[in-house]
C-alpha atoms as a PDB file:
ATOM      1  CA  UNK A   1     -15.430 -25.146  10.016  1.00  0.00           C
ATOM      2  CA  UNK A   2     -17.401 -22.307   8.481  1.00  0.00           C
ATOM      3  CA  UNK A   3     -20.041 -24.901   7.275  1.00  0.00           C
ATOM      4  CA  UNK A   4     -20.557 -26.091  10.977  1.00  0.00           C
ATOM      5  CA  UNK A   5     -19.880 -23.705  13.324  1.00  0.00           C
ATOM      6  CA  UNK A   6     -23.539 -22.268  14.827  1.00  0.00           C
ATOM      7  CA  UNK A   7     -21.682 -18.788  15.056  1.00  0.00           C
ATOM      8  CA  UNK A   8     -21.644 -17.070  11.518  1.00  0.00           C
ATOM      9  CA  UNK A   9     -20.196 -13.897  13.008  1.00  0.00           C
ATOM     10  CA  UNK A  10     -16.817 -15.989  14.212  1.00  0.00           C
ATOM     11  CA  UNK A  11     -15.840 -15.520  10.241  1.00  0.00           C
ATOM     12  CA  UNK A  12     -14.721 -12.001  11.100  1.00  0.00           C
ATOM     13  CA  UNK A  13     -13.382 -12.625  14.538  1.00  0.00           C
ATOM     14  CA  UNK A  14     -10.420 -10.528  15.180  1.00  0.00           C
ATOM     15  CA  UNK A  15      -7.157 -11.251  17.436  1.00  0.00           C
ATOM     16  CA  UNK A  16      -5.985  -8.564  19.918  1.00  0.00           C
ATOM     17  CA  UNK A  17      -4.030  -6.700  17.331  1.00  0.00           C
ATOM     18  CA  UNK A  18      -7.369  -6.058  14.915  1.00  0.00           C
ATOM     19  CA  UNK A  19      -6.493  -8.728  12.213  1.00  0.00           C
ATOM     20  CA  UNK A  20      -8.762 -11.214  10.893  1.00  0.00           C
ATOM     21  CA  UNK A  21      -9.050 -14.720   9.383  1.00  0.00           C
ATOM     22  CA  UNK A  22      -9.384 -12.387   5.990  1.00  0.00           C
ATOM     23  CA  UNK A  23      -6.632  -9.982   7.032  1.00  0.00           C
ATOM     24  CA  UNK A  24      -3.973 -12.996   7.737  1.00  0.00           C
ATOM     25  CA  UNK A  25      -5.005 -14.792   4.440  1.00  0.00           C
ATOM     26  CA  UNK A  26      -4.559 -11.503   2.162  1.00  0.00           C
ATOM     27  CA  UNK A  27      -1.345 -10.909   3.734  1.00  0.00           C
ATOM     28  CA  UNK A  28       0.079 -14.543   3.215  1.00  0.00           C
ATOM     29  CA  UNK A  29      -1.168 -14.967  -0.321  1.00  0.00           C
ATOM     30  CA  UNK A  30      -4.012 -17.756   0.557  1.00  0.00           C
ATOM     31  CA  UNK A  31      -6.144 -17.191  -2.060  1.00  0.00           C
ATOM     32  CA  UNK A  32      -8.331 -20.320  -1.700  1.00  0.00           C
ATOM     33  CA  UNK A  33      -8.976 -19.655   1.900  1.00  0.00           C
ATOM     34  CA  UNK A  34      -9.860 -15.661   1.233  1.00  0.00           C
ATOM     35  CA  UNK A  35     -12.440 -16.472  -1.410  1.00  0.00           C
ATOM     36  CA  UNK A  36     -14.014 -19.142   1.209  1.00  0.00           C
ATOM     37  CA  UNK A  37     -13.878 -16.472   3.961  1.00  0.00           C
ATOM     38  CA  UNK A  38     -15.792 -13.481   1.530  1.00  0.00           C
ATOM     39  CA  UNK A  39     -18.001 -16.072   0.451  1.00  0.00           C
ATOM     40  CA  UNK A  40     -18.691 -17.448   3.993  1.00  0.00           C
ATOM     41  CA  UNK A  41     -19.417 -13.876   4.581  1.00  0.00           C
ATOM     42  CA  UNK A  42     -16.174 -11.832   5.764  1.00  0.00           C
ATOM     43  CA  UNK A  43     -16.420  -8.246   5.351  1.00  0.00           C
ATOM     44  CA  UNK A  44     -13.558  -7.092   3.572  1.00  0.00           C
ATOM     45  CA  UNK A  45     -13.371  -3.379   5.268  1.00  0.00           C
ATOM     46  CA  UNK A  46     -12.699  -4.255   8.713  1.00  0.00           C
ATOM     47  CA  UNK A  47      -9.639  -2.677   9.619  1.00  0.00           C
ATOM     48  CA  UNK A  48      -6.742  -3.895  12.075  1.00  0.00           C
ATOM     49  CA  UNK A  49      -5.071  -2.058  14.991  1.00  0.00           C
ATOM     50  CA  UNK A  50      -3.216  -0.109  12.414  1.00  0.00           C
ATOM     51  CA  UNK A  51      -6.344   0.867  10.573  1.00  0.00           C
ATOM     52  CA  UNK A  52      -5.344  -1.596   7.493  1.00  0.00           C
ATOM     53  CA  UNK A  53      -8.003  -3.311   5.589  1.00  0.00           C
ATOM     54  CA  UNK A  54      -7.458  -6.806   3.865  1.00  0.00           C
ATOM     55  CA  UNK A  55      -6.803  -4.664   0.535  1.00  0.00           C
ATOM     56  CA  UNK A  56      -3.987  -2.828   2.129  1.00  0.00           C
ATOM     57  CA  UNK A  57      -2.405  -5.953   2.963  1.00  0.00           C
ATOM     58  CA  UNK A  58      -2.473  -7.794  -0.290  1.00  0.00           C
ATOM     59  CA  UNK A  59      -1.926  -4.395  -2.469  1.00  0.00           C
ATOM     60  CA  UNK A  60       1.443  -3.866  -0.174  1.00  0.00           C
ATOM     61  CA  UNK A  61       2.421  -7.883  -0.773  1.00  0.00           C
ATOM     62  CA  UNK A  62       1.646  -7.291  -4.180  1.00  0.00           C
ATOM     63  CA  UNK A  63      -0.703 -10.300  -4.075  1.00  0.00           C
ATOM     64  CA  UNK A  64      -2.851  -9.756  -7.183  1.00  0.00           C
ATOM     65  CA  UNK A  65      -5.266 -12.190  -6.905  1.00  0.00           C
ATOM     66  CA  UNK A  66      -6.365 -11.626  -3.661  1.00  0.00           C
ATOM     67  CA  UNK A  67      -6.617  -7.855  -4.800  1.00  0.00           C
ATOM     68  CA  UNK A  68      -8.890  -8.924  -7.146  1.00  0.00           C
ATOM     69  CA  UNK A  69     -10.923 -11.001  -5.176  1.00  0.00           C
ATOM     70  CA  UNK A  70     -11.795  -8.449  -2.660  1.00  0.00           C
ATOM     71  CA  UNK A  71     -12.576  -5.501  -5.113  1.00  0.00           C
ATOM     72  CA  UNK A  72     -14.845  -8.201  -6.962  1.00  0.00           C
ATOM     73  CA  UNK A  73     -16.417  -8.662  -3.815  1.00  0.00           C
ATOM     74  CA  UNK A  74     -16.964  -4.998  -2.841  1.00  0.00           C
ATOM     75  CA  UNK A  75     -13.791  -3.835  -0.978  1.00  0.00           C
ATOM     76  CA  UNK A  76     -13.783  -0.208  -0.079  1.00  0.00           C
ATOM     77  CA  UNK A  77     -10.573   1.189  -2.393  1.00  0.00           C
ATOM     78  CA  UNK A  78     -10.606   4.608  -0.601  1.00  0.00           C
ATOM     79  CA  UNK A  79     -10.198   3.398   3.125  1.00  0.00           C
ATOM     80  CA  UNK A  80      -7.034   5.035   5.065  1.00  0.00           C
ATOM     81  CA  UNK A  81      -5.165   3.631   7.146  1.00  0.00           C
ATOM     82  CA  UNK A  82      -3.212   5.084  10.388  1.00  0.00           C
ATOM     83  CA  UNK A  83      -0.930   7.352   8.224  1.00  0.00           C
ATOM     84  CA  UNK A  84      -3.711   8.240   6.137  1.00  0.00           C
ATOM     85  CA  UNK A  85      -2.803   6.031   3.253  1.00  0.00           C
ATOM     86  CA  UNK A  86      -5.448   4.139   1.171  1.00  0.00           C
ATOM     87  CA  UNK A  87      -4.187   1.012  -0.979  1.00  0.00           C
ATOM     88  CA  UNK A  88      -3.593   3.143  -3.747  1.00  0.00           C
ATOM     89  CA  UNK A  89      -1.046   5.283  -1.987  1.00  0.00           C
ATOM     90  CA  UNK A  90       0.347   1.606  -0.658  1.00  0.00           C
ATOM     91  CA  UNK A  91       0.741   0.500  -4.383  1.00  0.00           C
ATOM     92  CA  UNK A  92       2.527   3.641  -5.671  1.00  0.00           C
ATOM     93  CA  UNK A  93       4.895   3.797  -3.191  1.00  0.00           C
ATOM     94  CA  UNK A  94       5.843   0.498  -3.373  1.00  0.00           C
ATOM     95  CA  UNK A  95       6.043   0.823  -7.254  1.00  0.00           C
ATOM     96  CA  UNK A  96       8.710   3.865  -6.955  1.00  0.00           C
ATOM     97  CA  UNK A  97      10.910   2.405  -4.030  1.00  0.00           C
ATOM     98  CA  UNK A  98      10.900  -0.902  -6.213  1.00  0.00           C
ATOM     99  CA  UNK A  99      11.769   1.010  -9.308  1.00  0.00           C
ATOM    100  CA  UNK A 100      14.636   3.530  -7.659  1.00  0.00           C
ATOM    101  CA  UNK A 101      15.977   0.340  -5.623  1.00  0.00           C
ATOM    102  CA  UNK A 102      16.502  -1.348  -9.256  1.00  0.00           C
ATOM    103  CA  UNK A 103      18.121   1.638 -10.885  1.00  0.00           C
ATOM    104  CA  UNK A 104      20.408   2.041  -8.031  1.00  0.00           C
ATOM    105  CA  UNK A 105      21.723  -1.690  -8.432  1.00  0.00           C
ATOM    106  CA  UNK A 106      22.072  -0.911 -12.424  1.00  0.00           C
ATOM    107  CA  UNK A 107      25.697  -0.515 -13.257  1.00  0.00           C
ATOM    108  CA  UNK A 108      25.321  -0.211 -17.098  1.00  0.00           C
ATOM    109  CA  UNK A 109      22.947   0.381 -19.998  1.00  0.00           C
ATOM    110  CA  UNK A 110      21.913  -3.045 -21.103  1.00  0.00           C
ATOM    111  CA  UNK A 111      20.950  -3.482 -17.215  1.00  0.00           C
ATOM    112  CA  UNK A 112      18.796  -0.617 -17.501  1.00  0.00           C
ATOM    113  CA  UNK A 113      17.191  -1.767 -20.536  1.00  0.00           C
ATOM    114  CA  UNK A 114      16.464  -4.922 -19.333  1.00  0.00           C
ATOM    115  CA  UNK A 115      14.721  -3.300 -16.472  1.00  0.00           C
ATOM    116  CA  UNK A 116      12.869  -1.321 -18.638  1.00  0.00           C
ATOM    117  CA  UNK A 117      11.152  -3.646 -20.705  1.00  0.00           C
ATOM    118  CA  UNK A 118      10.590  -6.353 -17.758  1.00  0.00           C
ATOM    119  CA  UNK A 119       7.320  -7.939 -17.257  1.00  0.00           C
ATOM    120  CA  UNK A 120       5.979  -8.663 -13.952  1.00  0.00           C
ATOM    121  CA  UNK A 121       2.456  -9.758 -13.977  1.00  0.00           C
ATOM    122  CA  UNK A 122       2.230  -8.789  -9.923  1.00  0.00           C
ATOM    123  CA  UNK A 123       3.934  -5.152 -10.159  1.00  0.00           C
ATOM    124  CA  UNK A 124       2.487  -2.569  -8.328  1.00  0.00           C
ATOM    125  CA  UNK A 125       2.172  -0.571 -11.194  1.00  0.00           C
ATOM    126  CA  UNK A 126      -0.536  -3.254 -12.448  1.00  0.00           C
ATOM    127  CA  UNK A 127      -2.154  -2.938  -8.918  1.00  0.00           C
ATOM    128  CA  UNK A 128      -2.304   0.614  -8.979  1.00  0.00           C
ATOM    129  CA  UNK A 129      -4.183   1.232 -12.301  1.00  0.00           C
ATOM    130  CA  UNK A 130      -6.099  -1.537 -11.411  1.00  0.00           C
ATOM    131  CA  UNK A 131      -7.229   0.285  -8.390  1.00  0.00           C
ATOM    132  CA  UNK A 132      -7.780   3.061 -10.080  1.00  0.00           C
ATOM    133  CA  UNK A 133      -9.813   1.439 -13.000  1.00  0.00           C
ATOM    134  CA  UNK A 134     -12.508   0.515 -10.387  1.00  0.00           C
ATOM    135  CA  UNK A 135     -12.877   3.792  -8.707  1.00  0.00           C
ATOM    136  CA  UNK A 136      -9.657   4.776  -6.189  1.00  0.00           C
ATOM    137  CA  UNK A 137      -9.510   8.397  -5.577  1.00  0.00           C
ATOM    138  CA  UNK A 138      -6.311   9.713  -6.987  1.00  0.00           C
ATOM    139  CA  UNK A 139      -7.169  12.959  -4.728  1.00  0.00           C
ATOM    140  CA  UNK A 140      -7.140  11.449  -1.135  1.00  0.00           C
ATOM    141  CA  UNK A 141      -4.278  12.903   0.688  1.00  0.00           C
ATOM    142  CA  UNK A 142      -2.605  10.950   3.781  1.00  0.00           C
ATOM    143  CA  UNK A 143      -1.568  12.706   6.923  1.00  0.00           C
ATOM    144  CA  UNK A 144       1.799  14.249   5.268  1.00  0.00           C
ATOM    145  CA  UNK A 145      -0.480  15.831   2.678  1.00  0.00           C
ATOM    146  CA  UNK A 146       0.441  13.595  -0.311  1.00  0.00           C
ATOM    147  CA  UNK A 147      -2.011  12.542  -2.629  1.00  0.00           C
ATOM    148  CA  UNK A 148      -1.417   9.012  -4.808  1.00  0.00           C
ATOM    149  CA  UNK A 149       0.090  11.034  -7.787  1.00  0.00           C
ATOM    150  CA  UNK A 150       2.419  12.585  -5.168  1.00  0.00           C
ATOM    151  CA  UNK A 151       4.360   9.610  -4.880  1.00  0.00           C
ATOM    152  CA  UNK A 152       4.501   8.458  -8.295  1.00  0.00           C
ATOM    153  CA  UNK A 153       7.240  10.682  -9.727  1.00  0.00           C
ATOM    154  CA  UNK A 154       6.691   8.663 -13.507  1.00  0.00           C
ATOM    155  CA  UNK A 155       4.695  10.956 -16.058  1.00  0.00           C
ATOM    156  CA  UNK A 156       3.652   8.329 -17.944  1.00  0.00           C
ATOM    157  CA  UNK A 157       2.260   6.089 -14.939  1.00  0.00           C
ATOM    158  CA  UNK A 158       0.582   9.204 -13.405  1.00  0.00           C
ATOM    159  CA  UNK A 159      -1.236  10.069 -16.973  1.00  0.00           C
ATOM    160  CA  UNK A 160      -2.240   6.266 -17.101  1.00  0.00           C
ATOM    161  CA  UNK A 161      -3.846   6.356 -13.748  1.00  0.00           C
ATOM    162  CA  UNK A 162      -5.625   9.311 -14.426  1.00  0.00           C
ATOM    163  CA  UNK A 163      -7.091   7.747 -17.825  1.00  0.00           C
ATOM    164  CA  UNK A 164      -7.529   4.552 -15.925  1.00  0.00           C
ATOM    165  CA  UNK A 165      -9.985   6.734 -13.299  1.00  0.00           C
ATOM    166  CA  UNK A 166     -11.635   8.373 -15.980  1.00  0.00           C
ATOM    167  CA  UNK A 167     -12.430   5.756 -18.180  1.00  0.00           C
ATOM    168  CA  UNK A 168     -12.136   2.575 -15.675  1.00  0.00           C
ATOM    169  CA  UNK A 169     -10.264   0.794 -17.875  1.00  0.00           C
ATOM    170  CA  UNK A 170      -8.004  -2.238 -16.492  1.00  0.00           C
ATOM    171  CA  UNK A 171      -4.611  -3.004 -17.392  1.00  0.00           C
ATOM    172  CA  UNK A 172      -3.562  -5.711 -19.230  1.00  0.00           C
ATOM    173  CA  UNK A 173      -3.710  -9.197 -17.806  1.00  0.00           C
ATOM    174  CA  UNK A 174      -0.198  -9.798 -19.304  1.00  0.00           C
ATOM    175  CA  UNK A 175       2.775  -7.733 -18.549  1.00  0.00           C
ATOM    176  CA  UNK A 176       2.960  -4.344 -17.147  1.00  0.00           C
ATOM    177  CA  UNK A 177       0.811  -1.193 -18.424  1.00  0.00           C
ATOM    178  CA  UNK A 178       2.738   0.473 -21.197  1.00  0.00           C
ATOM    179  CA  UNK A 179       3.676   3.479 -18.647  1.00  0.00           C
ATOM    180  CA  UNK A 180       6.046   1.087 -16.831  1.00  0.00           C
ATOM    181  CA  UNK A 181       8.515   1.182 -19.599  1.00  0.00           C
ATOM    182  CA  UNK A 182       9.007   4.985 -19.481  1.00  0.00           C
ATOM    183  CA  UNK A 183      11.921   6.621 -17.482  1.00  0.00           C
ATOM    184  CA  UNK A 184      11.618   7.259 -13.477  1.00  0.00           C
ATOM    185  CA  UNK A 185      11.731  10.977 -12.733  1.00  0.00           C
ATOM    186  CA  UNK A 186      13.937  11.019  -9.498  1.00  0.00           C
ATOM    187  CA  UNK A 187      12.805  13.218  -6.922  1.00  0.00           C
ATOM    188  CA  UNK A 188      16.472  15.158  -6.211  1.00  0.00           C
ATOM    189  CA  UNK A 189      18.837  16.963  -8.722  1.00  0.00           C
ATOM    190  CA  UNK A 190      21.633  17.153  -6.447  1.00  0.00           C
ATOM    191  CA  UNK A 191      25.083  17.186  -7.397  1.00  0.00           C
ATOM    192  CA  UNK A 192      27.585  14.588  -5.544  1.00  0.00           C
ATOM    193  CA  UNK A 193      30.926  15.147  -4.560  1.00  0.00           C
ATOM    194  CA  UNK A 194      34.085  12.998  -4.941  1.00  0.00           C
ATOM    195  CA  UNK A 195      34.062   9.537  -3.147  1.00  0.00           C
ATOM    196  CA  UNK A 196      34.729   9.139  -0.042  1.00  0.00           C
ATOM    197  CA  UNK A 197      33.755   5.979   1.763  1.00  0.00           C
ATOM    198  CA  UNK A 198      30.916   3.624   0.530  1.00  0.00           C
ATOM    199  CA  UNK A 199      27.423   4.299   2.074  1.00  0.00           C
ATOM    200  CA  UNK A 200      26.480   0.416   2.039  1.00  0.00           C
ATOM    201  CA  UNK A 201      25.397  -1.594   5.519  1.00  0.00           C
ATOM    202  CA  UNK A 202      26.749  -4.885   5.845  1.00  0.00           C
ATOM    203  CA  UNK A 203      24.417  -7.635   4.640  1.00  0.00           C
ATOM    204  CA  UNK A 204      21.504  -7.997   7.102  1.00  0.00           C
ATOM    205  CA  UNK A 205      22.215  -5.045   8.892  1.00  0.00           C
ATOM    206  CA  UNK A 206      18.717  -3.728  10.040  1.00  0.00           C
ATOM    207  CA  UNK A 207      19.521  -0.042   9.185  1.00  0.00           C
ATOM    208  CA  UNK A 208      20.211  -1.092   5.862  1.00  0.00           C
ATOM    209  CA  UNK A 209      17.773   1.126   4.125  1.00  0.00           C
ATOM    210  CA  UNK A 210      17.640   3.859   6.932  1.00  0.00           C
ATOM    211  CA  UNK A 211      17.793   7.702   5.980  1.00  0.00           C
ATOM    212  CA  UNK A 212      21.246   9.068   6.689  1.00  0.00           C
ATOM    213  CA  UNK A 213      20.262  12.147   7.652  1.00  0.00           C
ATOM    214  CA  UNK A 214      17.346  11.585  10.230  1.00  0.00           C
ATOM    215  CA  UNK A 215      17.830   7.506  11.002  1.00  0.00           C
ATOM    216  CA  UNK A 216      13.845   7.579  11.272  1.00  0.00           C
ATOM    217  CA  UNK A 217      12.502   7.349   7.917  1.00  0.00           C
ATOM    218  CA  UNK A 218      13.464   4.722   4.906  1.00  0.00           C
ATOM    219  CA  UNK A 219      15.648   6.086   2.281  1.00  0.00           C
ATOM    220  CA  UNK A 220      13.520   6.748  -1.102  1.00  0.00           C
ATOM    221  CA  UNK A 221      15.223   9.733  -2.751  1.00  0.00           C
ATOM    222  CA  UNK A 222      17.443   8.747  -5.903  1.00  0.00           C
ATOM    223  CA  UNK A 223      20.595  11.405  -6.155  1.00  0.00           C
ATOM    224  CA  UNK A 224      21.382  12.711  -9.653  1.00  0.00           C
ATOM    225  CA  UNK A 225      23.694  12.147 -11.321  1.00  0.00           C
ATOM    226  CA  UNK A 226      25.648   9.420  -9.537  1.00  0.00           C
ATOM    227  CA  UNK A 227      22.142   7.072  -8.890  1.00  0.00           C
ATOM    228  CA  UNK A 228      22.554   6.675  -4.941  1.00  0.00           C
ATOM    229  CA  UNK A 229      19.821   6.574  -2.813  1.00  0.00           C
ATOM    230  CA  UNK A 230      20.802   7.872   0.659  1.00  0.00           C
ATOM    231  CA  UNK A 231      18.121   9.686   2.373  1.00  0.00           C
ATOM    232  CA  UNK A 232      14.533  10.119   2.987  1.00  0.00           C
ATOM    233  CA  UNK A 233      12.581  12.918   0.662  1.00  0.00           C
ATOM    234  CA  UNK A 234      11.993  14.907   4.191  1.00  0.00           C
ATOM    235  CA  UNK A 235      15.687  15.030   4.324  1.00  0.00           C
ATOM    236  CA  UNK A 236      16.152  15.672   0.582  1.00  0.00           C
ATOM    237  CA  UNK A 237      15.084  19.100   0.586  1.00  0.00           C
ATOM    238  CA  UNK A 238      17.767  19.956   3.159  1.00  0.00           C
ATOM    239  CA  UNK A 239      20.679  18.006   1.679  1.00  0.00           C
ATOM    240  CA  UNK A 240      22.636  19.878  -0.822  1.00  0.00           C
ATOM    241  CA  UNK A 241      25.123  17.321  -1.991  1.00  0.00           C
ATOM    242  CA  UNK A 242      25.796  13.574  -1.458  1.00  0.00           C
ATOM    243  CA  UNK A 243      29.167  13.658   0.235  1.00  0.00           C
ATOM    244  CA  UNK A 244      29.737   9.619  -0.096  1.00  0.00           C
ATOM    245  CA  UNK A 245      29.203   8.298  -3.178  1.00  0.00           C
ATOM    246  CA  UNK A 246      31.308   6.763  -6.230  1.00  0.00           C
ATOM    247  CA  UNK A 247      30.070   9.876  -8.733  1.00  0.00           C
ATOM    248  CA  UNK A 248      33.515   9.877 -10.405  1.00  0.00           C
ATOM    249  CA  UNK A 249      33.768   5.992 -11.139  1.00  0.00           C
ATOM    250  CA  UNK A 250      30.633   6.873 -13.313  1.00  0.00           C
ATOM    251  CA  UNK A 251      31.642   9.412 -15.136  1.00  0.00           C
END
């Protein structure tokens, strides 16, 4: 189609929601299609109705090959979406939530050790380091006033990102960056009270990730020492104790 159509501009034609063919290829991990599109003149920095570029979508879905392709073809790493988030914000938010959920599910030291040394070529941490090494700005604030580093509680990863940004050094092609083997620093140190009822939602419940306080945002704050995630980081500042947990079982 690209070779025979007399209208080269059609490669960037968008749907009503602003999604171009490149947006869809990035979201669905169609790497060959994405490469054909950019070689056919598709502009990587076009934004959809949510002001997301193809790079935002590729980072969100952890499609590493497409992330590399878009950056190689000059994608702007510092474009903000409707929430003010750059692709680096997205990568670090996904990494932190992923690690917190894994820690929540862990029930013994051996499982925690396995998580800490897991190798994932598509990890959001590796993508974040790659973005930083290629010029992603660490200081851009989103509409909540958060920089990418504010979304990264792991001090080791923060240090690695800063080094990558200064030196322009990428991450290893195999495995995760050294910082990912470090411990995750959680956002809250609230003390839990004895257990009452379980907080887990039934399987398939669309509210399973809802903040139990405001019900608007997603849960993203890990409570210490019980290890449960019950509320968003905004509500965490107001929560003095987590009244529903199994802390006594972990003593």
